[in-house]
Amino acid sequence: MIVDLCKMDLYEFIYSMFAHISFMMLIYLILGITLAYFIYNSIVTTWFVKGGVVNYDTFLTKFIQVVSKDNYFMNYGYWTPGVDTLYKANNSLVDLILEKSGLASAETKGQKILDVGCGYAVQDFQWLKTIDPTNHITAIDISESQIQMAKEKCKRSNLDSRLDLQCCDAMHIDKKFAASEFDTVLCVESAFHYADRPAFFRGVNEVLKPEGRFVICDLTLSDDHVPTILNGMFLRTFSDFLHIPRSSLVKSEVWKQSILDAGLVIEEYIDITDKTFGPYYNNTFHLYIKNAGIPSTIATIIYDIFMYLQPFSYRLAVCKKV
């Protein structure tokens, strides 16, 4: 009888200790996850997103200009044969947009152009070298610091009469500008950041003149994207750091339909994914790792992970208001 009682006490003791340890492990796990989330959120809001807007200054100084000195472009670039640097690829992409808009033709004169999400307006300065002097560009961005820097360069370059730079939210272009004010609207790799992309497309339709043209390059989810735990974690992290609203995480058919619903007609639609993400990541990661003095094998591993998990496609559309 005494032995049975001792055994019972031992079992109860072991059970009690196991329950206590399990409970403490659960508490530590919850505290660890909470701390990790707090650190993660602090990094995002301190360095990468400020006031609900992407902090491009961080990306510019900590990443882009580490691999491409004095480069103020903010796009993945268009990597075609012979294009072997990020700067060349950036230039190639904005040249492609200009070509598709028809503005590169010497016969296109007296056009009013709106560039939405212009960043530091590097593409606008490049376009002004090509388009006829009678054409005028209005470039807008939500970042006051980027617009201010662009204005200073514009003044130094004596281009004030050809380029008007304004701070404006892309969601409000139909309130900022008059109806049917512009012949052409351009948007280079910016719309996927917008809180309501379909509303932006409706605004584009509002400010365009009849028969006016809208050219956009943008990110969508790949048509063959199937959510998994791994790519879901990647997508969540990527979206947080680049401030991509959940509403913008749609596949191409939804993206195209939102353009059509805005009253625009899609004249040309191109998937240029194979000339954007892959060569961009390959070039950028290897240069970044090399400049940091880290073995190139690490860059290859990071590249493979990104290419395996990244769920995006890169689209270009040429549209017209009817």
Protein backbone atom coordinates (compact mmCIF):
# COMPACT_ATOMS: atom_id res chain seq x y z
CA MET A 1 0.00 0.00 0.00
CA ILE A 2 2.82 2.34 0.92
CA VAL A 3 4.66 1.44 -2.33
CA ASP A 4 1.56 2.21 -4.41
CA LEU A 5 1.21 5.59 -2.73
CA CYS A 6 4.87 6.36 -3.42
CA LYS A 7 4.43 5.41 -7.07
CA MET A 8 1.36 7.60 -7.30
CA ASP A 9 3.22 10.53 -5.76
CA LEU A 10 6.09 10.00 -8.20
CA TYR A 11 3.75 9.89 -11.19
CA GLU A 12 1.96 13.01 -10.02
CA PHE A 13 5.29 14.75 -9.49
CA ILE A 14 6.53 13.83 -12.97
CA TYR A 15 3.22 14.89 -14.52
CA SER A 16 3.28 18.15 -12.59
CA MET A 17 6.85 18.90 -13.65
CA PHE A 18 6.09 18.04 -17.29
CA ALA A 19 3.00 20.26 -17.26
CA HIS A 20 4.99 23.09 -15.66
CA ILE A 21 7.85 22.81 -18.17
CA SER A 22 5.40 22.65 -21.09
CA PHE A 23 3.58 25.71 -19.82
CA MET A 24 6.83 27.66 -19.40
CA MET A 25 7.99 26.63 -22.90
CA LEU A 26 4.69 27.89 -24.31
CA ILE A 27 5.14 31.19 -22.47
CA TYR A 28 8.70 31.56 -23.75
CA LEU A 29 7.57 30.69 -27.28
CA ILE A 30 4.85 33.34 -27.19
CA LEU A 31 7.28 35.90 -25.78
CA GLY A 32 9.86 34.98 -28.43
CA ILE A 33 7.38 35.32 -31.28
CA THR A 34 6.12 38.63 -29.88
CA LEU A 35 9.68 39.96 -29.57
CA ALA A 36 10.60 38.78 -33.07
CA TYR A 37 7.50 40.44 -34.52
CA PHE A 38 8.26 43.67 -32.64
CA ILE A 39 11.85 43.71 -33.98
CA TYR A 40 10.65 42.87 -37.51
CA ASN A 41 7.96 45.54 -37.44
CA SER A 42 10.42 48.11 -36.04
CA ILE A 43 12.88 47.42 -38.87
CA VAL A 44 10.15 47.79 -41.50
CA THR A 45 8.66 51.00 -40.08
CA THR A 46 12.01 52.58 -39.17
CA TRP A 47 13.96 51.92 -42.34
CA PHE A 48 11.70 50.83 -45.17
CA VAL A 49 8.23 52.36 -44.75
CA LYS A 50 7.53 55.79 -43.28
CA GLY A 51 4.13 57.40 -43.00
CA GLY A 52 2.57 54.65 -45.07
CA VAL A 53 4.97 55.31 -47.96
CA VAL A 54 8.00 53.35 -49.14
CA ASN A 55 11.19 54.94 -47.83
CA TYR A 56 13.09 54.88 -51.10
CA ASP A 57 16.01 56.73 -49.55
CA THR A 58 16.91 53.53 -47.67
CA PHE A 59 16.73 51.40 -50.81
CA LEU A 60 18.72 54.01 -52.72
CA THR A 61 21.62 54.43 -50.30
CA LYS A 62 21.77 50.95 -48.74
CA PHE A 63 21.16 48.83 -51.82
CA ILE A 64 20.90 50.46 -55.26
CA GLN A 65 23.90 52.77 -55.06
CA VAL A 66 26.00 50.07 -53.42
CA VAL A 67 25.87 48.15 -56.71
CA SER A 68 25.29 51.07 -59.10
CA LYS A 69 27.10 54.25 -58.08
CA ASP A 70 25.17 57.54 -58.36
CA ASN A 71 22.16 55.70 -59.78
CA TYR A 72 18.82 57.33 -58.88
CA PHE A 73 16.58 55.06 -60.93
CA MET A 74 14.02 53.00 -59.03
CA ASN A 75 13.11 50.11 -61.29
CA TYR A 76 14.10 46.50 -62.02
CA GLY A 77 15.32 47.42 -65.47
CA TYR A 78 14.86 45.81 -68.86
CA TRP A 79 17.70 43.36 -69.40
CA THR A 80 18.23 42.64 -73.08
CA PRO A 81 21.38 41.29 -74.83
CA GLY A 82 24.27 43.71 -74.27
CA VAL A 83 22.72 45.21 -71.13
CA ASP A 84 25.11 44.19 -68.36
CA THR A 85 24.68 46.82 -65.62
CA LEU A 86 21.73 47.98 -63.53
CA TYR A 87 22.02 51.53 -64.83
CA LYS A 88 21.89 50.39 -68.45
CA ALA A 89 18.90 48.17 -67.65
CA ASN A 90 17.11 51.05 -65.90
CA ASN A 91 17.66 53.25 -68.94
CA SER A 92 16.53 50.47 -71.24
CA LEU A 93 13.21 50.14 -69.41
CA VAL A 94 12.30 53.83 -69.56
CA ASP A 95 13.37 53.90 -73.22
CA LEU A 96 10.95 51.04 -73.85
CA ILE A 97 8.13 52.95 -72.15
CA LEU A 98 8.85 56.03 -74.25
CA GLU A 99 8.94 53.97 -77.43
CA LYS A 100 5.60 52.34 -76.64
CA SER A 101 4.04 55.73 -75.90
CA GLY A 102 4.87 57.04 -79.38
CA LEU A 103 6.53 60.10 -77.87
CA ALA A 104 9.95 59.18 -79.22
CA SER A 105 8.80 60.07 -82.73
CA ALA A 106 10.02 63.44 -84.00
CA GLU A 107 6.53 63.99 -85.42
CA THR A 108 4.93 63.92 -81.94
CA LYS A 109 4.76 67.55 -80.87
CA GLY A 110 2.88 69.77 -78.44
CA GLN A 111 1.92 66.92 -76.14
CA LYS A 112 1.04 67.29 -72.46
CA ILE A 113 2.49 64.32 -70.59
CA LEU A 114 1.86 63.17 -67.03
CA ASP A 115 4.42 60.91 -65.34
CA VAL A 116 2.90 59.32 -62.22
CA GLY A 117 5.23 58.04 -59.49
CA CYS A 118 8.26 59.76 -60.97
CA GLY A 119 10.57 59.26 -57.96
CA TYR A 120 13.68 61.37 -58.50
CA ALA A 121 12.42 62.08 -62.05
CA VAL A 122 15.49 60.49 -63.61
CA GLN A 123 13.38 59.05 -66.43
CA ASP A 124 11.87 62.47 -67.12
CA PHE A 125 15.28 64.05 -67.60
CA GLN A 126 16.16 61.21 -69.94
CA TRP A 127 12.90 61.52 -71.90
CA LEU A 128 13.42 65.27 -72.35
CA LYS A 129 16.62 64.51 -74.26
CA THR A 130 14.62 62.51 -76.80
CA ILE A 131 11.17 64.03 -77.19
CA ASP A 132 10.44 67.15 -79.21
CA PRO A 133 11.03 70.40 -77.25
CA THR A 134 7.38 71.39 -77.75
CA ASN A 135 6.25 68.51 -75.53
CA HIS A 136 5.80 69.21 -71.81
CA ILE A 137 6.05 66.79 -68.88
CA THR A 138 4.28 67.11 -65.53
CA ALA A 139 5.87 64.65 -63.10
CA ILE A 140 4.34 63.78 -59.73
CA ASP A 141 5.34 61.70 -56.73
CA ILE A 142 4.10 61.33 -53.17
CA SER A 143 7.62 61.80 -51.75
CA GLU A 144 8.38 65.44 -50.96
CA SER A 145 12.11 64.76 -50.58
CA GLN A 146 12.34 63.15 -54.02
CA ILE A 147 10.36 65.93 -55.68
CA GLN A 148 12.54 68.55 -53.97
CA MET A 149 15.73 66.87 -55.18
CA ALA A 150 14.30 66.62 -58.70
CA LYS A 151 13.33 70.31 -58.65
CA GLU A 152 16.87 71.30 -57.73
CA LYS A 153 18.27 69.28 -60.61
CA CYS A 154 15.61 70.71 -62.94
CA LYS A 155 16.63 74.24 -62.02
CA ARG A 156 20.33 73.50 -62.48
CA SER A 157 19.57 72.01 -65.90
CA ASN A 158 17.41 74.97 -66.99
CA LEU A 159 14.49 72.67 -67.78
CA ASP A 160 11.82 74.48 -65.76
CA SER A 161 9.87 75.40 -68.87
CA ARG A 162 9.66 71.80 -70.03
CA LEU A 163 9.27 69.90 -66.76
CA ASP A 164 6.83 70.66 -63.94
CA LEU A 165 7.46 68.68 -60.74
CA GLN A 166 4.72 68.39 -58.12
CA CYS A 167 4.09 66.43 -54.94
CA CYS A 168 0.83 64.53 -55.34
CA ASP A 169 -0.82 61.27 -54.33
CA ALA A 170 -1.51 59.11 -57.39
CA MET A 171 -4.93 58.34 -55.93
CA HIS A 172 -5.93 61.97 -56.39
CA ILE A 173 -4.82 62.86 -59.90
CA ASP A 174 -8.44 63.32 -61.00
CA LYS A 175 -8.78 66.00 -58.30
CA LYS A 176 -5.37 67.56 -58.86
CA PHE A 177 -5.74 67.96 -62.62
CA ALA A 178 -8.54 68.91 -64.97
CA ALA A 179 -10.54 66.35 -66.90
CA SER A 180 -9.03 65.50 -70.30
CA GLU A 181 -5.91 67.55 -69.53
CA PHE A 182 -3.20 65.17 -70.78
CA ASP A 183 -2.41 63.52 -74.08
CA THR A 184 -0.30 60.81 -72.45
CA VAL A 185 0.02 59.30 -68.97
CA LEU A 186 3.07 57.20 -68.08
CA CYS A 187 3.62 55.07 -64.99
CA VAL A 188 6.92 53.25 -64.53
CA GLU A 189 6.88 50.49 -61.90
CA SER A 190 4.93 52.40 -59.31
CA ALA A 191 1.24 51.43 -59.32
CA PHE A 192 1.66 48.22 -57.32
CA HIS A 193 2.37 50.44 -54.29
CA TYR A 194 -0.94 52.28 -54.55
CA ALA A 195 -3.63 51.69 -51.95
CA ASP A 196 -6.33 51.38 -54.62
CA ARG A 197 -4.88 50.59 -58.03
CA PRO A 198 -8.28 50.38 -59.81
CA ALA A 199 -9.07 53.90 -58.52
CA PHE A 200 -5.78 55.08 -60.01
CA PHE A 201 -6.74 53.61 -63.38
CA ARG A 202 -10.08 55.46 -63.20
CA GLY A 203 -8.18 58.65 -62.44
CA VAL A 204 -5.96 58.07 -65.47
CA ASN A 205 -9.02 57.71 -67.66
CA GLU A 206 -10.42 60.94 -66.23
CA VAL A 207 -7.35 63.11 -66.89
CA LEU A 208 -6.63 61.67 -70.35
CA LYS A 209 -7.95 63.34 -73.47
CA PRO A 210 -10.09 61.20 -75.81
CA GLU A 211 -7.74 58.95 -77.80
CA GLY A 212 -5.07 59.70 -75.20
CA ARG A 213 -2.53 56.99 -74.40
CA PHE A 214 -1.60 55.36 -71.09
CA VAL A 215 1.57 53.26 -70.83
CA ILE A 216 2.35 51.33 -67.65
CA CYS A 217 4.81 48.71 -66.47
CA ASP A 218 3.76 47.02 -63.26
CA LEU A 219 4.00 43.95 -61.02
CA THR A 220 1.28 41.31 -60.69
CA LEU A 221 1.17 37.85 -59.19
CA SER A 222 2.24 35.14 -61.62
CA ASP A 223 -0.66 33.39 -63.30
CA ASP A 224 0.68 30.02 -62.12
CA HIS A 225 1.19 31.20 -58.52
CA VAL A 226 -0.06 28.63 -56.02
CA PRO A 227 0.12 29.73 -52.36
CA THR A 228 2.29 27.66 -50.05
CA ILE A 229 3.62 28.27 -46.56
CA LEU A 230 7.09 29.14 -47.88
CA ASN A 231 6.12 31.46 -50.73
CA GLY A 232 3.44 32.92 -48.48
CA MET A 233 6.08 33.95 -45.95
CA PHE A 234 8.22 35.36 -48.74
CA LEU A 235 5.29 37.26 -50.20
CA ARG A 236 4.32 38.71 -46.82
CA THR A 237 7.88 39.86 -46.10
CA PHE A 238 8.43 41.23 -49.62
CA SER A 239 5.11 43.10 -49.44
CA ASP A 240 5.91 44.59 -46.03
CA PHE A 241 9.35 45.87 -47.03
CA LEU A 242 8.14 47.28 -50.38
CA HIS A 243 4.79 48.39 -48.96
CA ILE A 244 2.61 46.46 -51.40
CA PRO A 245 -1.05 46.52 -50.29
CA ARG A 246 -2.80 43.16 -50.11
CA SER A 247 -5.29 44.52 -52.66
CA SER A 248 -2.47 44.75 -55.23
CA LEU A 249 -1.53 41.09 -54.90
CA VAL A 250 -3.64 39.99 -57.86
CA LYS A 251 -2.99 37.99 -61.01
CA SER A 252 -2.73 39.53 -64.46
CA GLU A 253 -6.35 38.88 -65.50
CA VAL A 254 -7.64 40.85 -62.52
CA TRP A 255 -5.09 43.58 -63.22
CA LYS A 256 -6.11 43.83 -66.89
CA GLN A 257 -9.80 43.79 -66.02
CA SER A 258 -9.35 46.73 -63.63
CA ILE A 259 -7.82 48.71 -66.52
CA LEU A 260 -10.75 47.82 -68.77
CA ASP A 261 -13.26 48.63 -66.03
CA ALA A 262 -11.73 52.11 -65.80
CA GLY A 263 -12.84 52.74 -69.38
CA LEU A 264 -9.50 52.17 -71.08
CA VAL A 265 -8.73 49.87 -73.99
CA ILE A 266 -5.59 47.71 -73.91
CA GLU A 267 -3.88 47.98 -77.30
CA GLU A 268 -0.76 46.02 -76.43
CA TYR A 269 0.06 43.73 -73.51
CA ILE A 270 3.53 42.25 -72.92
CA ASP A 271 4.93 39.92 -70.28
CA ILE A 272 8.59 40.90 -69.81
CA THR A 273 9.20 38.89 -66.63
CA ASP A 274 12.17 37.00 -68.07
CA LYS A 275 13.92 40.30 -68.80
CA THR A 276 13.42 41.79 -65.33
CA PHE A 277 13.54 39.84 -62.07
CA GLY A 278 16.03 37.09 -62.93
CA PRO A 279 18.83 39.21 -64.41
CA TYR A 280 18.19 41.96 -61.84
CA TYR A 281 18.59 39.63 -58.87
CA ASN A 282 21.56 37.86 -60.42
CA ASN A 283 23.40 41.12 -61.10
CA THR A 284 22.46 42.90 -57.88
CA PHE A 285 23.04 40.08 -55.40
CA HIS A 286 26.43 39.11 -56.84
CA LEU A 287 27.67 42.70 -56.92
CA TYR A 288 26.34 43.46 -53.44
CA ILE A 289 27.94 40.34 -51.96
CA LYS A 290 31.20 41.00 -53.82
CA ASN A 291 31.37 44.60 -52.54
CA ALA A 292 30.76 43.32 -49.02
CA GLY A 293 33.70 40.91 -49.31
CA ILE A 294 31.51 37.83 -48.88
CA PRO A 295 32.02 34.62 -50.95
CA SER A 296 29.99 34.61 -54.16
CA THR A 297 28.44 31.29 -53.19
CA ILE A 298 26.24 33.17 -50.75
CA ALA A 299 24.95 35.37 -53.57
CA THR A 300 24.12 32.30 -55.63
CA ILE A 301 22.18 30.79 -52.73
CA ILE A 302 20.21 34.01 -52.15
CA TYR A 303 19.50 34.29 -55.88
CA ASP A 304 18.23 30.70 -56.03
CA ILE A 305 15.96 31.28 -53.03
CA PHE A 306 14.51 34.47 -54.52
CA MET A 307 13.90 32.91 -57.91
CA TYR A 308 12.30 29.85 -56.36
CA LEU A 309 9.99 31.78 -54.04
CA GLN A 310 9.30 35.09 -55.80
CA PRO A 311 5.67 35.00 -57.02
CA PHE A 312 5.57 37.98 -59.38
CA SER A 313 5.29 38.63 -63.08
CA TYR A 314 6.26 41.87 -64.78
CA ARG A 315 3.69 43.36 -67.19
CA LEU A 316 3.67 46.21 -69.65
CA ALA A 317 0.44 47.54 -71.13
CA VAL A 318 -0.22 50.19 -73.77
CA CYS A 319 -3.73 51.57 -73.33
CA LYS A 320 -5.97 54.15 -74.95
CA LYS A 321 -8.94 56.21 -73.82
CA VAL A 322 -11.88 55.80 -76.15
